[in-house]
């Protein structure tokens, strides 16, 4: 190649580089990304929109999801932060899938197991979901997780989280989650795991007779699940529901200022294994409704004093490695 031809080739390459860089950085900004199943957005799936977000963003990125039914299995990876996923309409913007624990994975007949069944798995931190439904619509054939969390400082605002057994798995100890104004539905142990979570002004709906929570809080974490100003409701014919049972020895769950429906069993709590009566941390304060009576509660649960309850604030509960004050 002559010197002139080499120069021309280099100039052409240099001219192409800015365009390539611009294309690679197209979504590296604060602009909102639009997802629409009908093709009117930039992407037709939420998964595609998540994939283009830059790792470890120091700015907030909004993914706006228009009304529609999105059959997807989504992972928000660990390297994504500061993302807000917002649905156009809570009840009409639905992320759904139908895996369950007894699906056979391969010719060996090995079942999928609980922890692979999620519809949405959030590994990243500083992530918010708002005005959206996350659903596992598998028939009741075993555990079927709708939401699986691993990240810290996660917020779920005005969301619906729907499933049967094991709807919400708060999967990592020492992480902090806020559920505000949400509807959470399920059957057996449908809120479970080791994370610290505050549920504010949520509706907790039992579809069948069973258990609401199965906390597995580590012994060195002071708070597991705190339900404040929530409403516990049930489907027709559901009359025998426990507030919780400890998945591990030191499971921690508190219901305060909540309205408990008649479906809540008089004893309130179940030990799961007898020795956990000595270690489980189960308490209530200032609840109302037909299921709130305390005279028949198990002796190993506690009714907090007014002074003890006044000291339990969101800020205190969320102070673990540092203090998190969610908006």
Protein backbone atom coordinates (compact mmCIF):
# COMPACT_ATOMS: atom_id res chain seq x y z
CA UNK A 1 0.00 0.00 0.00
CA UNK A 2 1.40 3.40 -0.93
CA UNK A 3 1.97 6.12 1.64
CA UNK A 4 -0.95 8.15 0.22
CA UNK A 5 -3.29 5.16 0.39
CA UNK A 6 -2.22 4.48 4.00
CA UNK A 7 -2.94 8.09 4.91
CA UNK A 8 -6.37 7.94 3.30
CA UNK A 9 -7.15 4.70 5.17
CA UNK A 10 -6.08 6.20 8.50
CA UNK A 11 -8.19 9.30 7.90
CA UNK A 12 -11.19 7.13 7.11
CA UNK A 13 -10.67 5.13 10.31
CA UNK A 14 -10.33 8.28 12.38
CA UNK A 15 -13.53 9.68 10.90
CA UNK A 16 -15.38 6.49 11.79
CA UNK A 17 -14.22 6.34 15.42
CA UNK A 18 -16.36 9.18 16.84
CA UNK A 19 -19.48 7.67 15.32
CA UNK A 20 -18.65 4.28 16.82
CA UNK A 21 -17.99 5.84 20.23
CA UNK A 22 -21.21 7.82 20.04
CA UNK A 23 -23.16 4.68 19.22
CA UNK A 24 -21.58 2.84 22.17
CA UNK A 25 -22.48 5.68 24.55
CA UNK A 26 -25.99 6.31 23.24
CA UNK A 27 -27.65 5.48 26.57
CA UNK A 28 -24.87 6.76 28.85
CA UNK A 29 -26.84 9.78 30.04
CA UNK A 30 -29.76 10.75 32.27
CA UNK A 31 -32.37 10.43 29.52
CA UNK A 32 -35.33 8.14 30.19
CA UNK A 33 -35.47 4.85 28.28
CA UNK A 34 -38.92 3.80 27.02
CA UNK A 35 -40.08 0.18 26.83
CA UNK A 36 -43.28 -0.76 25.01
CA UNK A 37 -44.45 -4.25 24.13
CA UNK A 38 -46.34 -2.84 21.11
CA UNK A 39 -43.13 -1.50 19.56
CA UNK A 40 -43.75 2.20 20.22
CA UNK A 41 -40.76 2.50 22.56
CA UNK A 42 -37.02 2.13 22.09
CA UNK A 43 -37.21 -1.45 23.34
CA UNK A 44 -39.91 -4.12 23.36
CA UNK A 45 -38.66 -5.86 26.51
CA UNK A 46 -37.48 -4.69 29.91
CA UNK A 47 -34.51 -7.05 29.65
CA UNK A 48 -33.20 -5.22 26.58
CA UNK A 49 -33.45 -1.87 28.36
CA UNK A 50 -31.60 -3.16 31.42
CA UNK A 51 -28.80 -4.48 29.21
CA UNK A 52 -27.90 -1.05 27.77
CA UNK A 53 -27.47 0.66 31.15
CA UNK A 54 -23.89 1.53 32.04
CA UNK A 55 -22.20 -0.21 34.96
CA UNK A 56 -21.89 1.65 38.27
CA UNK A 57 -23.71 4.78 37.11
CA UNK A 58 -23.25 7.84 39.34
CA UNK A 59 -26.48 9.36 38.00
CA UNK A 60 -30.09 8.16 38.03
CA UNK A 61 -31.45 6.35 34.99
CA UNK A 62 -35.20 5.87 34.52
CA UNK A 63 -36.63 2.97 32.51
CA UNK A 64 -40.28 3.74 31.78
CA UNK A 65 -42.35 0.66 30.95
CA UNK A 66 -45.62 1.24 29.10
CA UNK A 67 -48.78 -0.77 29.71
CA UNK A 68 -48.53 -4.36 28.56
CA UNK A 69 -47.90 -7.96 29.51
CA UNK A 70 -44.17 -8.72 29.42
CA UNK A 71 -43.36 -12.42 29.73
CA UNK A 72 -39.72 -12.16 30.77
CA UNK A 73 -37.27 -13.56 33.27
CA UNK A 74 -35.22 -10.52 34.34
CA UNK A 75 -31.95 -10.14 36.23
CA UNK A 76 -30.77 -6.67 37.23
CA UNK A 77 -27.06 -7.46 37.61
CA UNK A 78 -24.80 -6.52 40.50
CA UNK A 79 -22.94 -3.83 38.55
CA UNK A 80 -26.05 -1.74 37.93
CA UNK A 81 -26.97 1.04 40.37
CA UNK A 82 -29.26 4.09 40.51
CA UNK A 83 -31.88 2.67 38.16
CA UNK A 84 -35.58 3.44 38.57
CA UNK A 85 -37.97 1.12 36.72
CA UNK A 86 -41.36 2.80 36.47
CA UNK A 87 -44.56 1.30 35.09
CA UNK A 88 -47.15 3.40 33.28
CA UNK A 89 -49.96 1.73 35.23
CA UNK A 90 -49.42 -0.54 38.24
CA UNK A 91 -52.18 -2.99 37.39
CA UNK A 92 -51.66 -2.95 33.61
CA UNK A 93 -47.85 -3.04 33.43
CA UNK A 94 -47.05 -6.65 34.26
CA UNK A 95 -43.75 -8.55 34.28
CA UNK A 96 -44.63 -12.23 34.45
CA UNK A 97 -43.12 -15.69 34.21
CA UNK A 98 -44.14 -19.18 35.30
CA UNK A 99 -41.15 -21.19 36.53
CA UNK A 100 -41.64 -23.33 39.63
CA UNK A 101 -39.33 -25.46 41.75
CA UNK A 102 -40.42 -28.84 40.36
CA UNK A 103 -39.69 -28.12 36.70
CA UNK A 104 -37.14 -30.67 35.46
CA UNK A 105 -34.00 -29.02 34.14
CA UNK A 106 -32.45 -31.79 32.05
CA UNK A 107 -32.46 -35.49 31.24
CA UNK A 108 -31.28 -36.30 34.77
CA UNK A 109 -34.63 -35.20 36.12
CA UNK A 110 -33.02 -32.73 38.51
CA UNK A 111 -35.63 -30.16 39.62
CA UNK A 112 -35.08 -26.44 39.18
CA UNK A 113 -35.32 -25.69 42.91
CA UNK A 114 -36.68 -22.57 44.60
CA UNK A 115 -33.89 -20.11 43.94
CA UNK A 116 -33.96 -20.32 40.13
CA UNK A 117 -37.69 -19.74 39.80
CA UNK A 118 -37.71 -15.94 40.03
CA UNK A 119 -39.47 -13.68 37.55
CA UNK A 120 -37.32 -10.68 38.57
CA UNK A 121 -33.99 -10.95 40.40
CA UNK A 122 -32.36 -7.73 41.65
CA UNK A 123 -28.64 -8.12 42.33
CA UNK A 124 -27.76 -4.43 41.93
CA UNK A 125 -28.04 -1.86 44.72
CA UNK A 126 -29.82 1.48 44.80
CA UNK A 127 -32.58 0.16 42.51
CA UNK A 128 -36.22 1.31 42.60
CA UNK A 129 -39.32 -0.32 41.13
CA UNK A 130 -42.43 1.83 41.00
CA UNK A 131 -46.01 1.41 39.75
CA UNK A 132 -45.49 -2.06 38.30
CA UNK A 133 -46.62 -5.67 38.79
CA UNK A 134 -44.12 -8.49 39.20
CA UNK A 135 -45.80 -11.88 39.01
CA UNK A 136 -45.02 -15.57 39.04
CA UNK A 137 -48.17 -17.10 37.62
CA UNK A 138 -47.15 -20.76 37.90
CA UNK A 139 -49.85 -23.03 39.23
CA UNK A 140 -49.35 -24.09 42.82
CA UNK A 141 -46.95 -26.91 42.05
CA UNK A 142 -44.23 -25.89 44.49
CA UNK A 143 -42.13 -22.84 45.25
CA UNK A 144 -42.43 -20.13 42.59
CA UNK A 145 -40.68 -16.83 43.34
CA UNK A 146 -41.90 -13.60 41.76
CA UNK A 147 -39.26 -11.26 43.25
CA UNK A 148 -35.78 -12.32 44.40
CA UNK A 149 -33.58 -9.62 45.94
CA UNK A 150 -29.83 -9.65 46.58
CA UNK A 151 -28.96 -5.94 46.39
CA UNK A 152 -28.93 -3.29 49.12
CA UNK A 153 -31.04 -0.13 49.36
CA UNK A 154 -33.85 -1.40 47.16
CA UNK A 155 -37.22 0.35 47.01
CA UNK A 156 -40.54 -1.03 45.78
CA UNK A 157 -43.14 1.73 45.60
CA UNK A 158 -46.81 1.11 44.74
CA UNK A 159 -46.04 -2.29 43.23
CA UNK A 160 -47.98 -5.55 43.08
CA UNK A 161 -45.98 -8.68 43.89
CA UNK A 162 -48.07 -11.72 43.06
CA UNK A 163 -47.55 -15.46 43.39
CA UNK A 164 -48.40 -18.53 45.37
CA UNK A 165 -45.73 -20.22 47.48
CA UNK A 166 -42.62 -18.10 48.16
CA UNK A 167 -43.68 -14.92 46.32
CA UNK A 168 -40.96 -12.58 47.67
CA UNK A 169 -37.51 -13.90 48.56
CA UNK A 170 -35.36 -11.33 50.35
CA UNK A 171 -32.23 -13.28 49.68
CA UNK A 172 -29.18 -11.64 51.23
CA UNK A 173 -28.46 -10.93 54.88
CA UNK A 174 -27.43 -7.38 55.73
CA UNK A 175 -29.29 -5.82 52.80
CA UNK A 176 -32.12 -3.32 53.25
CA UNK A 177 -35.42 -3.15 51.42
CA UNK A 178 -38.35 -0.76 51.53
CA UNK A 179 -41.81 -1.82 50.36
CA UNK A 180 -44.19 1.15 50.39
CA UNK A 181 -47.83 1.09 49.30
CA UNK A 182 -47.45 -2.38 47.79
CA UNK A 183 -49.80 -5.33 47.40
CA UNK A 184 -48.14 -8.66 48.15
CA UNK A 185 -50.10 -11.89 47.58
CA UNK A 186 -49.26 -15.53 48.14
CA UNK A 187 -49.77 -18.72 50.08
CA UNK A 188 -47.02 -20.53 52.01
CA UNK A 189 -44.13 -18.47 53.44
CA UNK A 190 -44.74 -15.91 50.74
CA UNK A 191 -42.38 -13.33 52.27
CA UNK A 192 -39.17 -15.11 53.28
CA UNK A 193 -35.43 -14.74 53.66
CA UNK A 194 -32.63 -13.12 55.69
CA UNK A 195 -32.71 -9.47 54.54
CA UNK A 196 -33.95 -6.52 56.62
CA UNK A 197 -37.19 -5.15 55.14
CA UNK A 198 -39.64 -2.44 56.15
CA UNK A 199 -43.20 -2.76 54.82
CA UNK A 200 -45.08 0.54 55.02
CA UNK A 201 -48.79 0.89 54.23
CA UNK A 202 -48.89 -2.41 52.31
CA UNK A 203 -51.70 -4.90 51.73
CA UNK A 204 -50.57 -8.45 52.58
CA UNK A 205 -53.05 -10.89 51.04
CA UNK A 206 -53.21 -14.60 51.85
CA UNK A 207 -54.64 -16.75 49.09
CA UNK A 208 -54.80 -19.94 51.18
CA UNK A 209 -54.50 -21.13 54.78
CA UNK A 210 -50.81 -21.15 55.60
CA UNK A 211 -48.01 -18.81 56.76
CA UNK A 212 -47.31 -15.22 55.73
CA UNK A 213 -43.64 -14.82 56.65
CA UNK A 214 -40.62 -17.08 57.04
CA UNK A 215 -37.79 -14.83 58.16
CA UNK A 216 -34.29 -16.25 58.43
CA UNK A 217 -32.68 -13.22 60.05
CA UNK A 218 -29.11 -13.87 61.30
CA UNK A 219 -28.59 -13.65 65.06
CA UNK A 220 -26.36 -10.57 64.77
CA UNK A 221 -28.86 -8.52 62.71
CA UNK A 222 -31.27 -6.72 65.07
CA UNK A 223 -34.26 -6.48 62.71
CA UNK A 224 -35.70 -8.73 60.04
CA UNK A 225 -39.19 -7.82 58.80
CA UNK A 226 -41.09 -4.80 60.12
CA UNK A 227 -44.69 -4.30 58.98
CA UNK A 228 -46.06 -0.85 59.83
CA UNK A 229 -49.59 0.37 59.07
CA UNK A 230 -50.25 -2.64 56.85
CA UNK A 231 -53.50 -4.46 56.15
CA UNK A 232 -53.65 -8.26 56.35
CA UNK A 233 -56.42 -9.59 54.12
CA UNK A 234 -57.42 -12.98 52.72
CA UNK A 235 -59.36 -14.64 49.93
CA UNK A 236 -62.81 -16.06 50.58
CA UNK A 237 -62.70 -19.23 52.66
CA UNK A 238 -59.25 -18.55 54.11
CA UNK A 239 -59.56 -18.72 57.89
CA UNK A 240 -56.32 -20.13 59.36
CA UNK A 241 -53.19 -18.11 58.62
CA UNK A 242 -50.13 -17.67 60.83
CA UNK A 243 -48.28 -14.35 60.93
CA UNK A 244 -45.06 -16.26 60.48
CA UNK A 245 -42.74 -19.12 61.28
CA UNK A 246 -38.94 -18.87 61.59
CA UNK A 247 -37.07 -20.35 58.63
CA UNK A 248 -33.89 -20.17 60.72
CA UNK A 249 -33.42 -19.99 64.47
CA UNK A 250 -33.33 -16.20 64.94
CA UNK A 251 -36.01 -15.13 62.49
CA UNK A 252 -37.25 -11.61 63.37
CA UNK A 253 -40.68 -10.23 62.47
CA UNK A 254 -42.71 -7.35 63.91
CA UNK A 255 -46.25 -6.23 63.09
CA UNK A 256 -47.16 -2.78 64.44
CA UNK A 257 -50.05 -0.43 63.78
CA UNK A 258 -51.48 -3.04 61.40
CA UNK A 259 -55.03 -4.19 60.75
CA UNK A 260 -55.26 -7.97 61.06
CA UNK A 261 -58.17 -9.75 59.44
CA UNK A 262 -60.17 -12.60 61.00
CA UNK A 263 -58.10 -15.13 59.05
CA UNK A 264 -55.16 -14.69 61.46
CA UNK A 265 -55.00 -17.63 63.88
CA UNK A 266 -55.45 -16.74 67.58
CA UNK A 267 -52.00 -18.13 68.47
CA UNK A 268 -50.46 -15.88 65.81
CA UNK A 269 -47.14 -17.64 65.28
CA UNK A 270 -45.71 -21.11 64.62
CA UNK A 271 -42.30 -22.33 65.78
CA UNK A 272 -41.54 -24.53 62.70
CA UNK A 273 -39.10 -26.43 64.93
CA UNK A 274 -39.74 -26.60 68.67
CA UNK A 275 -36.33 -25.30 69.77
CA UNK A 276 -36.92 -22.05 67.87
CA UNK A 277 -39.37 -20.99 70.54
CA UNK A 278 -36.21 -20.09 72.49
CA UNK A 279 -34.62 -18.02 69.73
CA UNK A 280 -37.21 -16.61 67.30
CA UNK A 281 -37.86 -12.87 67.67
CA UNK A 282 -41.56 -12.34 67.07
CA UNK A 283 -43.44 -9.29 68.33
CA UNK A 284 -46.49 -7.07 67.86
CA UNK A 285 -47.67 -3.66 68.93
CA UNK A 286 -50.84 -1.62 68.62
CA UNK A 287 -52.53 -3.77 66.01
CA UNK A 288 -56.27 -3.77 65.43
CA UNK A 289 -58.92 -5.83 63.69
CA UNK A 290 -60.50 -9.22 64.43
CA UNK A 291 -57.17 -11.05 64.15
CA UNK A 292 -55.29 -8.77 66.56
CA UNK A 293 -56.44 -10.26 69.85
CA UNK A 294 -53.50 -11.17 72.08
CA UNK A 295 -55.04 -13.38 74.76
CA UNK A 296 -54.28 -16.62 72.91
CA UNK A 297 -50.92 -15.66 71.37
CA UNK A 298 -48.07 -18.13 71.82
CA UNK A 299 -46.15 -17.45 75.03
CA UNK A 300 -42.83 -17.09 73.23
CA UNK A 301 -43.95 -14.07 71.17
CA UNK A 302 -43.93 -10.56 72.65
CA UNK A 303 -46.20 -7.56 72.86
CA UNK A 304 -43.93 -4.52 72.86
CA UNK A 305 -44.27 -1.73 75.37
CA UNK A 306 -45.06 1.77 74.11
CA UNK A 307 -41.51 2.82 74.89
CA UNK A 308 -40.01 -0.10 72.97
CA UNK A 309 -42.24 0.55 69.97
CA UNK A 310 -41.46 4.28 69.90
CA UNK A 311 -37.76 3.44 69.50
CA UNK A 312 -38.35 1.38 66.37
CA UNK A 313 -38.02 3.78 63.44
CA UNK A 314 -37.17 3.18 59.81
CA UNK A 315 -33.85 4.94 60.32
CA UNK A 316 -32.94 2.67 63.23
CA UNK A 317 -33.99 -0.49 61.42
CA UNK A 318 -31.98 0.47 58.33
CA UNK A 319 -28.81 1.29 60.25
CA UNK A 320 -26.63 -1.77 59.72
CA UNK A 321 -23.27 -1.12 58.06
CA UNK A 322 -24.30 2.51 57.58
CA UNK A 323 -27.49 4.57 57.85
CA UNK A 324 -29.90 4.54 54.94
CA UNK A 325 -32.72 7.08 54.85
CA UNK A 326 -34.90 6.15 51.87
CA UNK A 327 -37.14 8.82 50.41
